[in-house]
């Protein structure tokens, strides 16, 4: 969620998001190497879902690359 600091002397944009501790896609590929087609499609499905969600809210990501794809944890911990 992006917003602005509401202060007359300091109007600056900021962004708040959940903590994603799973690393980046770039780090994952460096560590694990090339993935199977099935695993690549599984990862790509998640990326496309996230971009679709963002686009539905009018958000356009202009720098989609492995270093900007972050992995988080799903479910309860």
N, C-alpha and C. Protein backbone atom coordinates (compact mmCIF):
# COMPACT_ATOMS: atom_id res chain seq x y z
N UNK A 1 0.85 -1.16 0.00
CA UNK A 1 0.00 0.00 0.00
C UNK A 1 0.89 1.23 0.00
N UNK A 2 0.70 2.12 -0.92
CA UNK A 2 1.46 3.36 -0.98
C UNK A 2 0.61 4.50 -0.43
N UNK A 3 1.28 5.46 0.17
CA UNK A 3 0.59 6.60 0.73
C UNK A 3 1.58 7.75 0.83
N UNK A 4 1.14 8.84 1.45
CA UNK A 4 2.01 9.98 1.68
C UNK A 4 1.98 10.33 3.16
N UNK A 5 3.12 10.80 3.66
CA UNK A 5 3.19 11.30 5.02
C UNK A 5 2.40 12.60 5.06
N UNK A 6 1.44 12.68 5.95
CA UNK A 6 0.56 13.85 6.03
C UNK A 6 1.12 14.85 7.04
N UNK A 7 2.06 15.63 6.59
CA UNK A 7 2.69 16.65 7.44
C UNK A 7 3.03 17.83 6.53
N UNK A 8 2.70 19.06 6.95
CA UNK A 8 2.89 20.23 6.07
C UNK A 8 4.33 20.43 5.60
N UNK A 9 5.31 20.05 6.41
CA UNK A 9 6.71 20.26 6.04
C UNK A 9 7.34 19.06 5.35
N UNK A 10 6.64 17.94 5.31
CA UNK A 10 7.25 16.72 4.80
C UNK A 10 6.22 15.85 4.07
N UNK A 11 5.96 16.18 2.83
CA UNK A 11 5.05 15.35 2.05
C UNK A 11 5.90 14.40 1.22
N UNK A 12 6.09 13.20 1.71
CA UNK A 12 6.94 12.23 1.04
C UNK A 12 6.19 10.91 0.85
N UNK A 13 6.35 10.28 -0.31
CA UNK A 13 5.68 9.00 -0.52
C UNK A 13 6.37 7.89 0.28
N UNK A 14 5.59 6.88 0.66
CA UNK A 14 6.16 5.71 1.31
C UNK A 14 5.31 4.51 0.96
N UNK A 15 5.88 3.35 1.13
CA UNK A 15 5.17 2.11 0.83
C UNK A 15 5.30 1.15 2.00
N UNK A 16 4.22 0.45 2.30
CA UNK A 16 4.21 -0.55 3.36
C UNK A 16 3.80 -1.87 2.74
N UNK A 17 4.55 -2.92 3.02
CA UNK A 17 4.18 -4.25 2.53
C UNK A 17 4.56 -5.28 3.58
N UNK A 18 4.07 -6.49 3.37
CA UNK A 18 4.40 -7.56 4.31
C UNK A 18 5.88 -7.91 4.20
N UNK A 19 6.43 -8.48 5.26
CA UNK A 19 7.82 -8.93 5.26
C UNK A 19 7.91 -10.22 4.46
N UNK A 20 8.72 -10.21 3.42
CA UNK A 20 8.90 -11.39 2.57
C UNK A 20 10.31 -11.92 2.77
N UNK A 21 10.43 -13.03 3.47
CA UNK A 21 11.73 -13.56 3.86
C UNK A 21 12.24 -14.68 2.96
N UNK A 22 11.57 -14.93 1.84
CA UNK A 22 11.95 -16.04 0.98
C UNK A 22 13.01 -15.74 -0.06
N UNK A 23 13.51 -14.51 -0.10
CA UNK A 23 14.52 -14.14 -1.09
C UNK A 23 13.90 -13.79 -2.43
N UNK A 24 14.75 -13.56 -3.40
CA UNK A 24 14.30 -13.18 -4.74
C UNK A 24 14.38 -14.37 -5.69
N UNK A 25 13.71 -14.24 -6.81
CA UNK A 25 13.79 -15.27 -7.85
C UNK A 25 15.22 -15.38 -8.36
N UNK A 26 15.90 -14.27 -8.45
CA UNK A 26 17.30 -14.29 -8.90
C UNK A 26 18.16 -15.13 -7.96
N UNK A 27 18.01 -14.92 -6.66
CA UNK A 27 18.78 -15.69 -5.67
C UNK A 27 18.41 -17.18 -5.74
N UNK A 28 17.12 -17.45 -5.91
CA UNK A 28 16.63 -18.83 -5.99
C UNK A 28 17.28 -19.56 -7.17
N UNK A 29 17.30 -18.94 -8.33
CA UNK A 29 17.87 -19.56 -9.53
C UNK A 29 19.38 -19.73 -9.38
N UNK A 30 20.05 -18.74 -8.78
CA UNK A 30 21.50 -18.87 -8.55
C UNK A 30 21.80 -20.06 -7.64
N UNK A 31 20.97 -20.26 -6.63
CA UNK A 31 21.18 -21.33 -5.66
C UNK A 31 20.75 -22.69 -6.20
N UNK A 32 19.58 -22.74 -6.84
CA UNK A 32 19.00 -24.02 -7.26
C UNK A 32 19.30 -24.39 -8.71
N UNK A 33 19.70 -23.42 -9.53
CA UNK A 33 19.97 -23.70 -10.94
C UNK A 33 18.68 -23.72 -11.76
N UNK A 34 18.83 -24.10 -13.03
CA UNK A 34 17.66 -24.14 -13.92
C UNK A 34 16.56 -25.05 -13.35
N UNK A 35 15.33 -24.65 -13.59
CA UNK A 35 14.17 -25.39 -13.08
C UNK A 35 13.51 -26.17 -14.20
N UNK A 36 12.77 -27.19 -13.83
CA UNK A 36 12.01 -27.96 -14.81
C UNK A 36 10.91 -27.06 -15.39
N UNK A 37 10.37 -27.47 -16.51
CA UNK A 37 9.27 -26.72 -17.11
C UNK A 37 8.10 -26.64 -16.13
N UNK A 38 7.79 -27.76 -15.47
CA UNK A 38 6.67 -27.79 -14.51
C UNK A 38 6.90 -26.80 -13.38
N UNK A 39 8.09 -26.80 -12.78
CA UNK A 39 8.38 -25.87 -11.68
C UNK A 39 8.41 -24.42 -12.16
N UNK A 40 8.93 -24.19 -13.36
CA UNK A 40 8.96 -22.83 -13.92
C UNK A 40 7.55 -22.31 -14.13
N UNK A 41 6.66 -23.16 -14.64
CA UNK A 41 5.27 -22.75 -14.84
C UNK A 41 4.57 -22.47 -13.52
N UNK A 42 4.90 -23.25 -12.48
CA UNK A 42 4.33 -23.03 -11.15
C UNK A 42 4.73 -21.65 -10.63
N UNK A 43 6.00 -21.31 -10.76
CA UNK A 43 6.50 -19.99 -10.32
C UNK A 43 5.87 -18.89 -11.17
N UNK A 44 5.83 -19.09 -12.47
CA UNK A 44 5.26 -18.10 -13.38
C UNK A 44 3.78 -17.86 -13.10
N UNK A 45 3.06 -18.91 -12.73
CA UNK A 45 1.64 -18.76 -12.40
C UNK A 45 1.46 -17.81 -11.22
N UNK A 46 2.31 -17.93 -10.21
CA UNK A 46 2.25 -17.03 -9.06
C UNK A 46 2.58 -15.59 -9.44
N UNK A 47 3.58 -15.43 -10.29
CA UNK A 47 3.97 -14.09 -10.74
C UNK A 47 2.83 -13.45 -11.53
N UNK A 48 2.25 -14.21 -12.45
CA UNK A 48 1.14 -13.68 -13.26
C UNK A 48 -0.07 -13.35 -12.40
N UNK A 49 -0.33 -14.17 -11.39
CA UNK A 49 -1.45 -13.88 -10.48
C UNK A 49 -1.23 -12.58 -9.71
N UNK A 50 0.00 -12.38 -9.24
CA UNK A 50 0.32 -11.16 -8.50
C UNK A 50 0.21 -9.93 -9.40
N UNK A 51 0.73 -10.03 -10.62
CA UNK A 51 0.64 -8.91 -11.55
C UNK A 51 -0.80 -8.63 -11.94
N UNK A 52 -1.59 -9.67 -12.12
CA UNK A 52 -3.01 -9.49 -12.44
C UNK A 52 -3.73 -8.76 -11.32
N UNK A 53 -3.44 -9.14 -10.09
CA UNK A 53 -4.04 -8.48 -8.92
C UNK A 53 -3.66 -7.00 -8.89
N UNK A 54 -2.38 -6.72 -9.12
CA UNK A 54 -1.92 -5.33 -9.13
C UNK A 54 -2.61 -4.54 -10.25
N UNK A 55 -2.66 -5.13 -11.44
CA UNK A 55 -3.29 -4.44 -12.58
C UNK A 55 -4.77 -4.17 -12.33
N UNK A 56 -5.44 -5.09 -11.63
CA UNK A 56 -6.86 -4.88 -11.35
C UNK A 56 -7.09 -3.69 -10.42
N UNK A 57 -6.04 -3.27 -9.72
CA UNK A 57 -6.13 -2.13 -8.82
C UNK A 57 -5.48 -0.89 -9.43
N UNK A 58 -5.16 -0.96 -10.73
CA UNK A 58 -4.59 0.19 -11.42
C UNK A 58 -3.10 0.38 -11.20
N UNK A 59 -2.42 -0.63 -10.68
CA UNK A 59 -0.98 -0.53 -10.42
C UNK A 59 -0.24 -1.22 -11.57
N UNK A 60 0.70 -0.51 -12.16
CA UNK A 60 1.51 -1.06 -13.24
C UNK A 60 2.95 -1.17 -12.75
N UNK A 61 3.51 -2.37 -12.78
CA UNK A 61 4.90 -2.60 -12.37
C UNK A 61 5.76 -2.47 -13.62
N UNK A 62 6.65 -1.52 -13.63
CA UNK A 62 7.43 -1.25 -14.84
C UNK A 62 8.84 -1.85 -14.80
N UNK A 63 9.12 -2.70 -13.83
CA UNK A 63 10.46 -3.27 -13.73
C UNK A 63 10.39 -4.71 -13.24
N UNK A 64 9.68 -5.56 -14.00
CA UNK A 64 9.55 -6.96 -13.63
C UNK A 64 10.82 -7.68 -14.09
N UNK A 65 11.56 -8.21 -13.13
CA UNK A 65 12.78 -8.96 -13.41
C UNK A 65 13.04 -9.87 -12.21
N UNK A 66 13.88 -10.90 -12.37
CA UNK A 66 14.10 -11.86 -11.28
C UNK A 66 14.51 -11.23 -9.95
N UNK A 67 15.27 -10.15 -9.99
CA UNK A 67 15.71 -9.50 -8.75
C UNK A 67 14.56 -8.79 -8.03
N UNK A 68 13.45 -8.54 -8.75
CA UNK A 68 12.29 -7.86 -8.15
C UNK A 68 11.12 -8.79 -7.86
N UNK A 69 11.32 -10.08 -8.05
CA UNK A 69 10.30 -11.08 -7.70
C UNK A 69 10.68 -11.62 -6.34
N UNK A 70 9.84 -11.38 -5.34
CA UNK A 70 10.13 -11.77 -3.97
C UNK A 70 9.26 -12.94 -3.55
N UNK A 71 9.85 -13.87 -2.80
CA UNK A 71 9.11 -15.01 -2.29
C UNK A 71 8.76 -14.79 -0.82
N UNK A 72 7.55 -15.13 -0.46
CA UNK A 72 7.11 -15.07 0.93
C UNK A 72 6.68 -16.46 1.37
N UNK A 73 6.22 -16.55 2.57
CA UNK A 73 5.72 -17.82 3.09
C UNK A 73 4.20 -17.77 3.11
N UNK A 74 3.57 -18.86 2.73
CA UNK A 74 2.11 -18.93 2.72
C UNK A 74 1.66 -19.84 3.86
N UNK A 75 0.45 -19.60 4.33
CA UNK A 75 -0.12 -20.45 5.37
C UNK A 75 0.24 -20.01 6.77
N UNK A 76 -0.09 -20.84 7.73
CA UNK A 76 0.20 -20.52 9.13
C UNK A 76 1.59 -20.98 9.50
N UNK A 77 2.16 -20.30 10.50
CA UNK A 77 3.51 -20.65 10.92
C UNK A 77 3.55 -21.00 12.37
